[in-house]
Full PDB file with SEQRES, HELIX, SHEET, SSBOND, CRYST1, ORIGX, SCALE, CONECT and MASTER records, all heavy atoms in Angstrom:
SEQRES   1 A   41  GLU ARG MET SER ASN GLY MET LEU MET ASN GLY LEU LEU          
SEQRES   2 A   41  GLY THR ALA GLN ALA ALA MET GLY GLN ASN PRO THR LEU          
SEQRES   3 A   41  THR GLN ASN ILE MET LEU GLN ALA PHE GLY VAL GLY GLY          
SEQRES   4 A   41  GLU LEU                                                      
HELIX    1 AA1 ARG A    2  MET A    9  1                                   8    
HELIX    2 AA2 ALA A   16  GLN A   22  1                                   7    
HELIX    3 AA3 PRO A   24  PHE A   35  1                                  12    
CRYST1    1.000    1.000    1.000  90.00  90.00  90.00 P 1           1          
ORIGX1      1.000000  0.000000  0.000000        0.00000                         
ORIGX2      0.000000  1.000000  0.000000        0.00000                         
ORIGX3      0.000000  0.000000  1.000000        0.00000                         
SCALE1      1.000000  0.000000  0.000000        0.00000                         
SCALE2      0.000000  1.000000  0.000000        0.00000                         
SCALE3      0.000000  0.000000  1.000000        0.00000                         
ATOM      1  N   GLU A   1    -129.496 154.880-238.462  1.00  0.00           N  
ATOM      2  CA  GLU A   1    -129.296 153.431-238.573  1.00  0.00           C  
ATOM      3  C   GLU A   1    -130.250 152.678-237.657  1.00  0.00           C  
ATOM      4  O   GLU A   1    -130.840 151.669-238.051  1.00  0.00           O  
ATOM      5  CB  GLU A   1    -127.840 153.081-238.219  1.00  0.00           C  
ATOM      6  CG  GLU A   1    -127.511 151.602-238.353  1.00  0.00           C  
ATOM      7  CD  GLU A   1    -126.066 151.298-238.011  1.00  0.00           C  
ATOM      8  OE1 GLU A   1    -125.336 152.205-237.576  1.00  0.00           O  
ATOM      9  OE2 GLU A   1    -125.664 150.129-238.180  1.00  0.00           O  
ATOM     10  N   ARG A   2    -130.422 153.182-236.438  1.00  0.00           N  
ATOM     11  CA  ARG A   2    -131.317 152.509-235.497  1.00  0.00           C  
ATOM     12  C   ARG A   2    -132.764 152.557-236.004  1.00  0.00           C  
ATOM     13  O   ARG A   2    -133.495 151.576-235.874  1.00  0.00           O  
ATOM     14  CB  ARG A   2    -131.199 153.173-234.113  1.00  0.00           C  
ATOM     15  CG  ARG A   2    -132.059 152.514-233.055  1.00  0.00           C  
ATOM     16  CD  ARG A   2    -131.466 152.659-231.661  1.00  0.00           C  
ATOM     17  NE  ARG A   2    -131.403 154.051-231.215  1.00  0.00           N  
ATOM     18  CZ  ARG A   2    -130.937 154.394-229.994  1.00  0.00           C  
ATOM     19  NH1 ARG A   2    -130.498 153.463-229.156  1.00  0.00           N  
ATOM     20  NH2 ARG A   2    -130.900 155.650-229.624  1.00  0.00           N  
ATOM     21  N   MET A   3    -133.169 153.688-236.578  1.00  0.00           N  
ATOM     22  CA  MET A   3    -134.518 153.773-237.114  1.00  0.00           C  
ATOM     23  C   MET A   3    -134.689 152.851-238.320  1.00  0.00           C  
ATOM     24  O   MET A   3    -135.718 152.194-238.480  1.00  0.00           O  
ATOM     25  CB  MET A   3    -134.854 155.211-237.511  1.00  0.00           C  
ATOM     26  CG  MET A   3    -136.300 155.372-237.988  1.00  0.00           C  
ATOM     27  SD  MET A   3    -136.836 157.085-238.074  1.00  0.00           S  
ATOM     28  CE  MET A   3    -138.571 156.832-238.529  1.00  0.00           C  
ATOM     29  N   SER A   4    -133.684 152.796-239.184  1.00  0.00           N  
ATOM     30  CA  SER A   4    -133.737 151.925-240.360  1.00  0.00           C  
ATOM     31  C   SER A   4    -133.873 150.467-239.953  1.00  0.00           C  
ATOM     32  O   SER A   4    -134.663 149.715-240.516  1.00  0.00           O  
ATOM     33  CB  SER A   4    -132.493 152.117-241.230  1.00  0.00           C  
ATOM     34  OG  SER A   4    -132.405 153.435-241.718  1.00  0.00           O  
ATOM     35  N   ASN A   5    -133.075 150.060-238.956  1.00  0.00           N  
ATOM     36  CA  ASN A   5    -133.162 148.674-238.470  1.00  0.00           C  
ATOM     37  C   ASN A   5    -134.529 148.390-237.864  1.00  0.00           C  
ATOM     38  O   ASN A   5    -135.092 147.312-238.057  1.00  0.00           O  
ATOM     39  CB  ASN A   5    -132.061 148.420-237.442  1.00  0.00           C  
ATOM     40  CG  ASN A   5    -130.682 148.329-238.060  1.00  0.00           C  
ATOM     41  OD1 ASN A   5    -130.532 147.945-239.210  1.00  0.00           O  
ATOM     42  ND2 ASN A   5    -129.654 148.711-237.302  1.00  0.00           N  
ATOM     43  N   GLY A   6    -135.057 149.358-237.111  1.00  0.00           N  
ATOM     44  CA  GLY A   6    -136.363 149.178-236.494  1.00  0.00           C  
ATOM     45  C   GLY A   6    -137.471 149.046-237.528  1.00  0.00           C  
ATOM     46  O   GLY A   6    -138.380 148.220-237.379  1.00  0.00           O  
ATOM     47  N   MET A   7    -137.398 149.841-238.580  1.00  0.00           N  
ATOM     48  CA  MET A   7    -138.396 149.758-239.645  1.00  0.00           C  
ATOM     49  C   MET A   7    -138.324 148.415-240.360  1.00  0.00           C  
ATOM     50  O   MET A   7    -139.343 147.797-240.636  1.00  0.00           O  
ATOM     51  CB  MET A   7    -138.193 150.920-240.631  1.00  0.00           C  
ATOM     52  CG  MET A   7    -138.586 152.278-240.081  1.00  0.00           C  
ATOM     53  SD  MET A   7    -138.141 153.634-241.193  1.00  0.00           S  
ATOM     54  CE  MET A   7    -139.061 153.197-242.682  1.00  0.00           C  
ATOM     55  N   LEU A   8    -137.091 147.986-240.684  1.00  0.00           N  
ATOM     56  CA  LEU A   8    -136.935 146.727-241.408  1.00  0.00           C  
ATOM     57  C   LEU A   8    -137.422 145.548-240.575  1.00  0.00           C  
ATOM     58  O   LEU A   8    -138.131 144.665-241.080  1.00  0.00           O  
ATOM     59  CB  LEU A   8    -135.455 146.531-241.772  1.00  0.00           C  
ATOM     60  CG  LEU A   8    -135.127 145.293-242.623  1.00  0.00           C  
ATOM     61  CD1 LEU A   8    -135.846 145.362-243.960  1.00  0.00           C  
ATOM     62  CD2 LEU A   8    -133.618 145.177-242.839  1.00  0.00           C  
ATOM     63  N   MET A   9    -137.103 145.540-239.287  1.00  0.00           N  
ATOM     64  CA  MET A   9    -137.519 144.437-238.411  1.00  0.00           C  
ATOM     65  C   MET A   9    -139.036 144.378-238.252  1.00  0.00           C  
ATOM     66  O   MET A   9    -139.597 143.308-238.009  1.00  0.00           O  
ATOM     67  CB  MET A   9    -136.861 144.602-237.036  1.00  0.00           C  
ATOM     68  CG  MET A   9    -135.368 144.325-237.021  1.00  0.00           C  
ATOM     69  SD  MET A   9    -134.627 144.666-235.398  1.00  0.00           S  
ATOM     70  CE  MET A   9    -135.521 143.475-234.368  1.00  0.00           C  
ATOM     71  N   ASN A  10    -139.694 145.514-238.414  1.00  0.00           N  
ATOM     72  CA  ASN A  10    -141.151 145.552-238.260  1.00  0.00           C  
ATOM     73  C   ASN A  10    -141.885 145.579-239.593  1.00  0.00           C  
ATOM     74  O   ASN A  10    -143.091 145.837-239.634  1.00  0.00           O  
ATOM     75  CB  ASN A  10    -141.550 146.764-237.423  1.00  0.00           C  
ATOM     76  CG  ASN A  10    -141.208 146.597-235.962  1.00  0.00           C  
ATOM     77  OD1 ASN A  10    -141.945 145.970-235.200  1.00  0.00           O  
ATOM     78  ND2 ASN A  10    -140.060 147.147-235.550  1.00  0.00           N  
ATOM     79  N   GLY A  11    -141.161 145.326-240.694  1.00  0.00           N  
ATOM     80  CA  GLY A  11    -141.792 145.236-241.998  1.00  0.00           C  
ATOM     81  C   GLY A  11    -142.273 146.553-242.551  1.00  0.00           C  
ATOM     82  O   GLY A  11    -143.146 146.593-243.429  1.00  0.00           O  
ATOM     83  N   LEU A  12    -141.698 147.678-242.082  1.00  0.00           N  
ATOM     84  CA  LEU A  12    -142.082 148.999-242.566  1.00  0.00           C  
ATOM     85  C   LEU A  12    -141.053 149.444-243.595  1.00  0.00           C  
ATOM     86  O   LEU A  12    -139.972 149.918-243.257  1.00  0.00           O  
ATOM     87  CB  LEU A  12    -142.139 149.987-241.400  1.00  0.00           C  
ATOM     88  CG  LEU A  12    -143.158 149.665-240.304  1.00  0.00           C  
ATOM     89  CD1 LEU A  12    -142.973 150.613-239.120  1.00  0.00           C  
ATOM     90  CD2 LEU A  12    -144.569 149.763-240.843  1.00  0.00           C  
ATOM     91  N   LEU A  13    -141.394 149.267-244.862  1.00  0.00           N  
ATOM     92  CA  LEU A  13    -140.457 149.538-245.935  1.00  0.00           C  
ATOM     93  C   LEU A  13    -140.801 150.855-246.602  1.00  0.00           C  
ATOM     94  O   LEU A  13    -141.956 151.290-246.620  1.00  0.00           O  
ATOM     95  CB  LEU A  13    -140.490 148.400-246.956  1.00  0.00           C  
ATOM     96  CG  LEU A  13    -140.268 146.994-246.373  1.00  0.00           C  
ATOM     97  CD1 LEU A  13    -140.315 145.959-247.476  1.00  0.00           C  
ATOM     98  CD2 LEU A  13    -138.936 146.915-245.635  1.00  0.00           C  
ATOM     99  N   GLY A  14    -139.777 151.509-247.178  1.00  0.00           N  
ATOM    100  CA  GLY A  14    -139.999 152.779-247.849  1.00  0.00           C  
ATOM    101  C   GLY A  14    -139.551 153.934-246.975  1.00  0.00           C  
ATOM    102  O   GLY A  14    -138.752 153.784-246.063  1.00  0.00           O  
ATOM    103  N   THR A  15    -140.101 155.120-247.249  1.00  0.00           N  
ATOM    104  CA  THR A  15    -139.714 156.311-246.528  1.00  0.00           C  
ATOM    105  C   THR A  15    -140.366 156.348-245.147  1.00  0.00           C  
ATOM    106  O   THR A  15    -141.291 155.578-244.852  1.00  0.00           O  
ATOM    107  CB  THR A  15    -140.142 157.566-247.296  1.00  0.00           C  
ATOM    108  OG1 THR A  15    -141.581 157.586-247.363  1.00  0.00           O  
ATOM    109  CG2 THR A  15    -139.552 157.575-248.702  1.00  0.00           C  
ATOM    110  N   ALA A  16    -139.898 157.271-244.309  1.00  0.00           N  
ATOM    111  CA  ALA A  16    -140.514 157.431-242.995  1.00  0.00           C  
ATOM    112  C   ALA A  16    -141.952 157.865-243.122  1.00  0.00           C  
ATOM    113  O   ALA A  16    -142.823 157.445-242.355  1.00  0.00           O  
ATOM    114  CB  ALA A  16    -139.714 158.456-242.183  1.00  0.00           C  
ATOM    115  N   GLN A  17    -142.227 158.700-244.114  1.00  0.00           N  
ATOM    116  CA  GLN A  17    -143.600 159.157-244.323  1.00  0.00           C  
ATOM    117  C   GLN A  17    -144.500 157.988-244.727  1.00  0.00           C  
ATOM    118  O   GLN A  17    -145.640 157.865-244.266  1.00  0.00           O  
ATOM    119  CB  GLN A  17    -143.637 160.231-245.415  1.00  0.00           C  
ATOM    120  CG  GLN A  17    -145.017 160.861-245.626  1.00  0.00           C  
ATOM    121  CD  GLN A  17    -144.969 162.001-246.620  1.00  0.00           C  
ATOM    122  OE1 GLN A  17    -143.926 162.343-247.155  1.00  0.00           O  
ATOM    123  NE2 GLN A  17    -146.124 162.604-246.869  1.00  0.00           N  
ATOM    124  N   ALA A  18    -143.980 157.100-245.592  1.00  0.00           N  
ATOM    125  CA  ALA A  18    -144.751 155.926-245.985  1.00  0.00           C  
ATOM    126  C   ALA A  18    -144.988 155.011-244.800  1.00  0.00           C  
ATOM    127  O   ALA A  18    -146.079 154.451-244.622  1.00  0.00           O  
ATOM    128  CB  ALA A  18    -144.029 155.176-247.102  1.00  0.00           C  
ATOM    129  N   ALA A  19    -143.963 154.835-243.966  1.00  0.00           N  
ATOM    130  CA  ALA A  19    -144.099 153.995-242.783  1.00  0.00           C  
ATOM    131  C   ALA A  19    -145.119 154.582-241.817  1.00  0.00           C  
ATOM    132  O   ALA A  19    -145.902 153.861-241.194  1.00  0.00           O  
ATOM    133  CB  ALA A  19    -142.751 153.853-242.081  1.00  0.00           C  
ATOM    134  N   MET A  20    -145.154 155.910-241.716  1.00  0.00           N  
ATOM    135  CA  MET A  20    -146.127 156.564-240.854  1.00  0.00           C  
ATOM    136  C   MET A  20    -147.531 156.282-241.332  1.00  0.00           C  
ATOM    137  O   MET A  20    -148.466 156.115-240.539  1.00  0.00           O  
ATOM    138  CB  MET A  20    -145.871 158.073-240.825  1.00  0.00           C  
ATOM    139  CG  MET A  20    -146.617 158.818-239.731  1.00  0.00           C  
ATOM    140  SD  MET A  20    -146.041 158.409-238.058  1.00  0.00           S  
ATOM    141  CE  MET A  20    -144.508 159.332-237.981  1.00  0.00           C  
ATOM    142  N   GLY A  21    -147.681 156.196-242.654  1.00  0.00           N  
ATOM    143  CA  GLY A  21    -148.999 155.874-243.203  1.00  0.00           C  
ATOM    144  C   GLY A  21    -149.395 154.435-242.968  1.00  0.00           C  
ATOM    145  O   GLY A  21    -150.573 154.131-242.754  1.00  0.00           O  
ATOM    146  N   GLN A  22    -148.405 153.515-242.972  1.00  0.00           N  
ATOM    147  CA  GLN A  22    -148.701 152.102-242.744  1.00  0.00           C  
ATOM    148  C   GLN A  22    -149.078 151.841-241.283  1.00  0.00           C  
ATOM    149  O   GLN A  22    -150.026 151.123-240.997  1.00  0.00           O  
ATOM    150  CB  GLN A  22    -147.469 151.253-243.097  1.00  0.00           C  
ATOM    151  CG  GLN A  22    -147.053 151.284-244.559  1.00  0.00           C  
ATOM    152  CD  GLN A  22    -145.743 150.550-244.789  1.00  0.00           C  
ATOM    153  OE1 GLN A  22    -145.563 149.399-244.385  1.00  0.00           O  
ATOM    154  NE2 GLN A  22    -144.783 151.219-245.423  1.00  0.00           N  
ATOM    155  N   ASN A  23    -148.307 152.401-240.372  1.00  0.00           N  
ATOM    156  CA  ASN A  23    -148.523 152.150-238.946  1.00  0.00           C  
ATOM    157  C   ASN A  23    -147.976 153.337-238.149  1.00  0.00           C  
ATOM    158  O   ASN A  23    -146.837 153.316-237.690  1.00  0.00           O  
ATOM    159  CB  ASN A  23    -147.839 150.848-238.506  1.00  0.00           C  
ATOM    160  CG  ASN A  23    -148.297 150.386-237.141  1.00  0.00           C  
ATOM    161  OD1 ASN A  23    -148.580 151.178-236.264  1.00  0.00           O  
ATOM    162  ND2 ASN A  23    -148.340 149.071-236.960  1.00  0.00           N  
ATOM    163  N   PRO A  24    -148.790 154.378-237.978  1.00  0.00           N  
ATOM    164  CA  PRO A  24    -148.276 155.605-237.344  1.00  0.00           C  
ATOM    165  C   PRO A  24    -147.785 155.418-235.920  1.00  0.00           C  
ATOM    166  O   PRO A  24    -146.767 156.003-235.538  1.00  0.00           O  
ATOM    167  CB  PRO A  24    -149.493 156.544-237.394  1.00  0.00           C  
ATOM    168  CG  PRO A  24    -150.669 155.672-237.631  1.00  0.00           C  
ATOM    169  CD  PRO A  24    -150.175 154.505-238.412  1.00  0.00           C  
ATOM    170  N   THR A  25    -148.485 154.621-235.113  1.00  0.00           N  
ATOM    171  CA  THR A  25    -148.083 154.438-233.720  1.00  0.00           C  
ATOM    172  C   THR A  25    -146.738 153.729-233.622  1.00  0.00           C  
ATOM    173  O   THR A  25    -145.831 154.173-232.897  1.00  0.00           O  
ATOM    174  CB  THR A  25    -149.142 153.651-232.937  1.00  0.00           C  
ATOM    175  OG1 THR A  25    -150.385 154.342-232.989  1.00  0.00           O  
ATOM    176  CG2 THR A  25    -148.719 153.470-231.483  1.00  0.00           C  
ATOM    177  N   LEU A  26    -146.592 152.642-234.370  1.00  0.00           N  
ATOM    178  CA  LEU A  26    -145.345 151.885-234.354  1.00  0.00           C  
ATOM    179  C   LEU A  26    -144.207 152.728-234.886  1.00  0.00           C  
ATOM    180  O   LEU A  26    -143.105 152.743-234.326  1.00  0.00           O  
ATOM    181  CB  LEU A  26    -145.496 150.603-235.175  1.00  0.00           C  
ATOM    182  CG  LEU A  26    -144.247 149.719-235.312  1.00  0.00           C  
ATOM    183  CD1 LEU A  26    -143.748 149.272-233.945  1.00  0.00           C  
ATOM    184  CD2 LEU A  26    -144.544 148.498-236.188  1.00  0.00           C  
ATOM    185  N   THR A  27    -144.445 153.443-235.979  1.00  0.00           N  
ATOM    186  CA  THR A  27    -143.399 154.273-236.577  1.00  0.00           C  
ATOM    187  C   THR A  27    -142.960 155.367-235.627  1.00  0.00           C  
ATOM    188  O   THR A  27    -141.761 155.679-235.514  1.00  0.00           O  
ATOM    189  CB  THR A  27    -143.896 154.893-237.888  1.00  0.00           C  
ATOM    190  OG1 THR A  27    -144.322 153.858-238.779  1.00  0.00           O  
ATOM    191  CG2 THR A  27    -142.784 155.695-238.566  1.00  0.00           C  
ATOM    192  N   GLN A  28    -143.912 155.954-234.909  1.00  0.00           N  
ATOM    193  CA  GLN A  28    -143.574 156.992-233.935  1.00  0.00           C  
ATOM    194  C   GLN A  28    -142.692 156.436-232.828  1.00  0.00           C  
ATOM    195  O   GLN A  28    -141.703 157.063-232.424  1.00  0.00           O  
ATOM    196  CB  GLN A  28    -144.864 157.571-233.334  1.00  0.00           C  
ATOM    197  CG  GLN A  28    -144.660 158.624-232.255  1.00  0.00           C  
ATOM    198  CD  GLN A  28    -144.255 159.966-232.817  1.00  0.00           C  
ATOM    199  OE1 GLN A  28    -144.278 160.168-234.029  1.00  0.00           O  
ATOM    200  NE2 GLN A  28    -143.872 160.888-231.944  1.00  0.00           N  
ATOM    201  N   ASN A  29    -143.018 155.230-232.362  1.00  0.00           N  
ATOM    202  CA  ASN A  29    -142.213 154.599-231.308  1.00  0.00           C  
ATOM    203  C   ASN A  29    -140.803 154.289-231.802  1.00  0.00           C  
ATOM    204  O   ASN A  29    -139.817 154.490-231.088  1.00  0.00           O  
ATOM    205  CB  ASN A  29    -142.891 153.325-230.813  1.00  0.00           C  
ATOM    206  CG  ASN A  29    -144.132 153.605-229.990  1.00  0.00           C  
ATOM    207  OD1 ASN A  29    -144.270 154.678-229.407  1.00  0.00           O  
ATOM    208  ND2 ASN A  29    -145.043 152.649-229.944  1.00  0.00           N  
ATOM    209  N   ILE A  30    -140.707 153.775-233.035  1.00  0.00           N  
ATOM    210  CA  ILE A  30    -139.392 153.480-233.614  1.00  0.00           C  
ATOM    211  C   ILE A  30    -138.580 154.762-233.760  1.00  0.00           C  
ATOM    212  O   ILE A  30    -137.375 154.796-233.480  1.00  0.00           O  
ATOM    213  CB  ILE A  30    -139.554 152.786-234.984  1.00  0.00           C  
ATOM    214  CG1 ILE A  30    -140.167 151.393-234.800  1.00  0.00           C  
ATOM    215  CG2 ILE A  30    -138.207 152.684-235.702  1.00  0.00           C  
ATOM    216  CD1 ILE A  30    -140.537 150.714-236.112  1.00  0.00           C  
ATOM    217  N   MET A  31    -139.255 155.829-234.177  1.00  0.00           N  
ATOM    218  CA  MET A  31    -138.583 157.116-234.363  1.00  0.00           C  
ATOM    219  C   MET A  31    -138.022 157.633-233.037  1.00  0.00           C  
ATOM    220  O   MET A  31    -136.866 158.066-232.962  1.00  0.00           O  
ATOM    221  CB  MET A  31    -139.553 158.139-234.953  1.00  0.00           C  
ATOM    222  CG  MET A  31    -138.956 159.515-235.173  1.00  0.00           C  
ATOM    223  SD  MET A  31    -140.193 160.714-235.682  1.00  0.00           S  
ATOM    224  CE  MET A  31    -141.133 160.883-234.148  1.00  0.00           C  
ATOM    225  N   LEU A  32    -138.822 157.581-231.988  1.00  0.00           N  
ATOM    226  CA  LEU A  32    -138.369 158.070-230.688  1.00  0.00           C  
ATOM    227  C   LEU A  32    -137.189 157.236-230.169  1.00  0.00           C  
ATOM    228  O   LEU A  32    -136.243 157.765-229.592  1.00  0.00           O  
ATOM    229  CB  LEU A  32    -139.518 158.065-229.685  1.00  0.00           C  
ATOM    230  CG  LEU A  32    -140.636 159.075-229.955  1.00  0.00           C  
ATOM    231  CD1 LEU A  32    -141.749 158.905-228.930  1.00  0.00           C  
ATOM    232  CD2 LEU A  32    -140.109 160.506-229.940  1.00  0.00           C  
ATOM    233  N   GLN A  33    -137.266 155.911-230.373  1.00  0.00           N  
ATOM    234  CA  GLN A  33    -136.158 155.059-229.966  1.00  0.00           C  
ATOM    235  C   GLN A  33    -134.898 155.374-230.778  1.00  0.00           C  
ATOM    236  O   GLN A  33    -133.787 155.326-230.242  1.00  0.00           O  
ATOM    237  CB  GLN A  33    -136.553 153.596-230.132  1.00  0.00           C  
ATOM    238  CG  GLN A  33    -137.605 153.136-229.131  1.00  0.00           C  
ATOM    239  CD  GLN A  33    -138.043 151.704-229.368  1.00  0.00           C  
ATOM    240  OE1 GLN A  33    -137.492 151.006-230.206  1.00  0.00           O  
ATOM    241  NE2 GLN A  33    -139.064 151.261-228.640  1.00  0.00           N  
ATOM    242  N   ALA A  34    -135.089 155.689-232.059  1.00  0.00           N  
ATOM    243  CA  ALA A  34    -133.946 156.041-232.909  1.00  0.00           C  
ATOM    244  C   ALA A  34    -133.273 157.314-232.407  1.00  0.00           C  
ATOM    245  O   ALA A  34    -132.041 157.430-232.422  1.00  0.00           O  
ATOM    246  CB  ALA A  34    -134.404 156.229-234.355  1.00  0.00           C  
ATOM    247  N   PHE A  35    -134.085 158.269-231.937  1.00  0.00           N  
ATOM    248  CA  PHE A  35    -133.521 159.505-231.405  1.00  0.00           C  
ATOM    249  C   PHE A  35    -132.913 159.303-230.027  1.00  0.00           C  
ATOM    250  O   PHE A  35    -132.204 160.169-229.513  1.00  0.00           O  
ATOM    251  CB  PHE A  35    -134.613 160.581-231.310  1.00  0.00           C  
ATOM    252  CG  PHE A  35    -135.209 160.971-232.621  1.00  0.00           C  
ATOM    253  CD1 PHE A  35    -136.428 161.600-232.683  1.00  0.00           C  
ATOM    254  CD2 PHE A  35    -134.548 160.717-233.825  1.00  0.00           C  
ATOM    255  CE1 PHE A  35    -136.999 161.963-233.894  1.00  0.00           C  
ATOM    256  CE2 PHE A  35    -135.097 161.065-235.035  1.00  0.00           C  
ATOM    257  CZ  PHE A  35    -136.326 161.696-235.081  1.00  0.00           C  
ATOM    258  N   GLY A  36    -133.212 158.150-229.408  1.00  0.00           N  
ATOM    259  CA  GLY A  36    -132.729 157.902-228.062  1.00  0.00           C  
ATOM    260  C   GLY A  36    -133.681 158.382-227.003  1.00  0.00           C  
ATOM    261  O   GLY A  36    -133.298 158.529-225.845  1.00  0.00           O  
ATOM    262  N   VAL A  37    -134.942 158.658-227.374  1.00  0.00           N  
ATOM    263  CA  VAL A  37    -135.910 159.199-226.442  1.00  0.00           C  
ATOM    264  C   VAL A  37    -136.777 158.084-225.895  1.00  0.00           C  
ATOM    265  O   VAL A  37    -137.432 157.365-226.646  1.00  0.00           O  
ATOM    266  CB  VAL A  37    -136.798 160.265-227.111  1.00  0.00           C  
ATOM    267  CG1 VAL A  37    -137.844 160.792-226.123  1.00  0.00           C  
ATOM    268  CG2 VAL A  37    -135.956 161.401-227.637  1.00  0.00           C  
ATOM    269  N   GLY A  38    -136.779 157.931-224.577  1.00  0.00           N  
ATOM    270  CA  GLY A  38    -137.615 156.935-223.929  1.00  0.00           C  
ATOM    271  C   GLY A  38    -138.830 157.560-223.291  1.00  0.00           C  
ATOM    272  O   GLY A  38    -139.261 158.652-223.676  1.00  0.00           O  
ATOM    273  N   GLY A  39    -139.401 156.894-222.317  1.00  0.00           N  
ATOM    274  CA  GLY A  39    -140.589 157.386-221.641  1.00  0.00           C  
ATOM    275  C   GLY A  39    -140.327 158.718-220.961  1.00  0.00           C  
ATOM    276  O   GLY A  39    -139.297 158.926-220.329  1.00  0.00           O  
ATOM    277  N   GLU A  40    -141.257 159.655-221.115  1.00  0.00           N  
ATOM    278  CA  GLU A  40    -141.163 160.990-220.543  1.00  0.00           C  
ATOM    279  C   GLU A  40    -139.819 161.668-220.899  1.00  0.00           C  
ATOM    280  O   GLU A  40    -139.182 162.334-220.091  1.00  0.00           O  
ATOM    281  CB  GLU A  40    -141.344 160.954-219.018  1.00  0.00           C  
ATOM    282  CG  GLU A  40    -142.720 160.440-218.599  1.00  0.00           C  
ATOM    283  CD  GLU A  40    -142.902 160.455-217.099  1.00  0.00           C  
ATOM    284  OE1 GLU A  40    -141.921 160.805-216.390  1.00  0.00           O  
ATOM    285  OE2 GLU A  40    -144.002 160.143-216.622  1.00  0.00           O  
ATOM    286  N   LEU A  41    -139.416 161.455-222.134  1.00  0.00           N  
ATOM    287  CA  LEU A  41    -138.207 162.079-222.673  1.00  0.00           C  
ATOM    288  C   LEU A  41    -136.927 161.654-221.945  1.00  0.00           C  
ATOM    289  O   LEU A  41    -135.948 162.386-221.897  1.00  0.00           O  
ATOM    290  CB  LEU A  41    -138.344 163.607-222.665  1.00  0.00           C  
ATOM    291  CG  LEU A  41    -139.428 164.168-223.598  1.00  0.00           C  
ATOM    292  CD1 LEU A  41    -139.470 165.678-223.502  1.00  0.00           C  
ATOM    293  CD2 LEU A  41    -139.197 163.746-225.034  1.00  0.00           C  
TER     294      LEU A  41                                                      
MASTER        0    0    0    3    0    0    0    6  293    1    0    4          
END                                                                             
């Protein structure tokens, strides 16, 4: 849910793979936040 909200708020629509293609750095950051992973794990 947190990753879905992050993608929607940043205009990254579609699958995670599609979002990675649109903006890999942003998608990676959203993914880590969704997992609950911050700086240095």
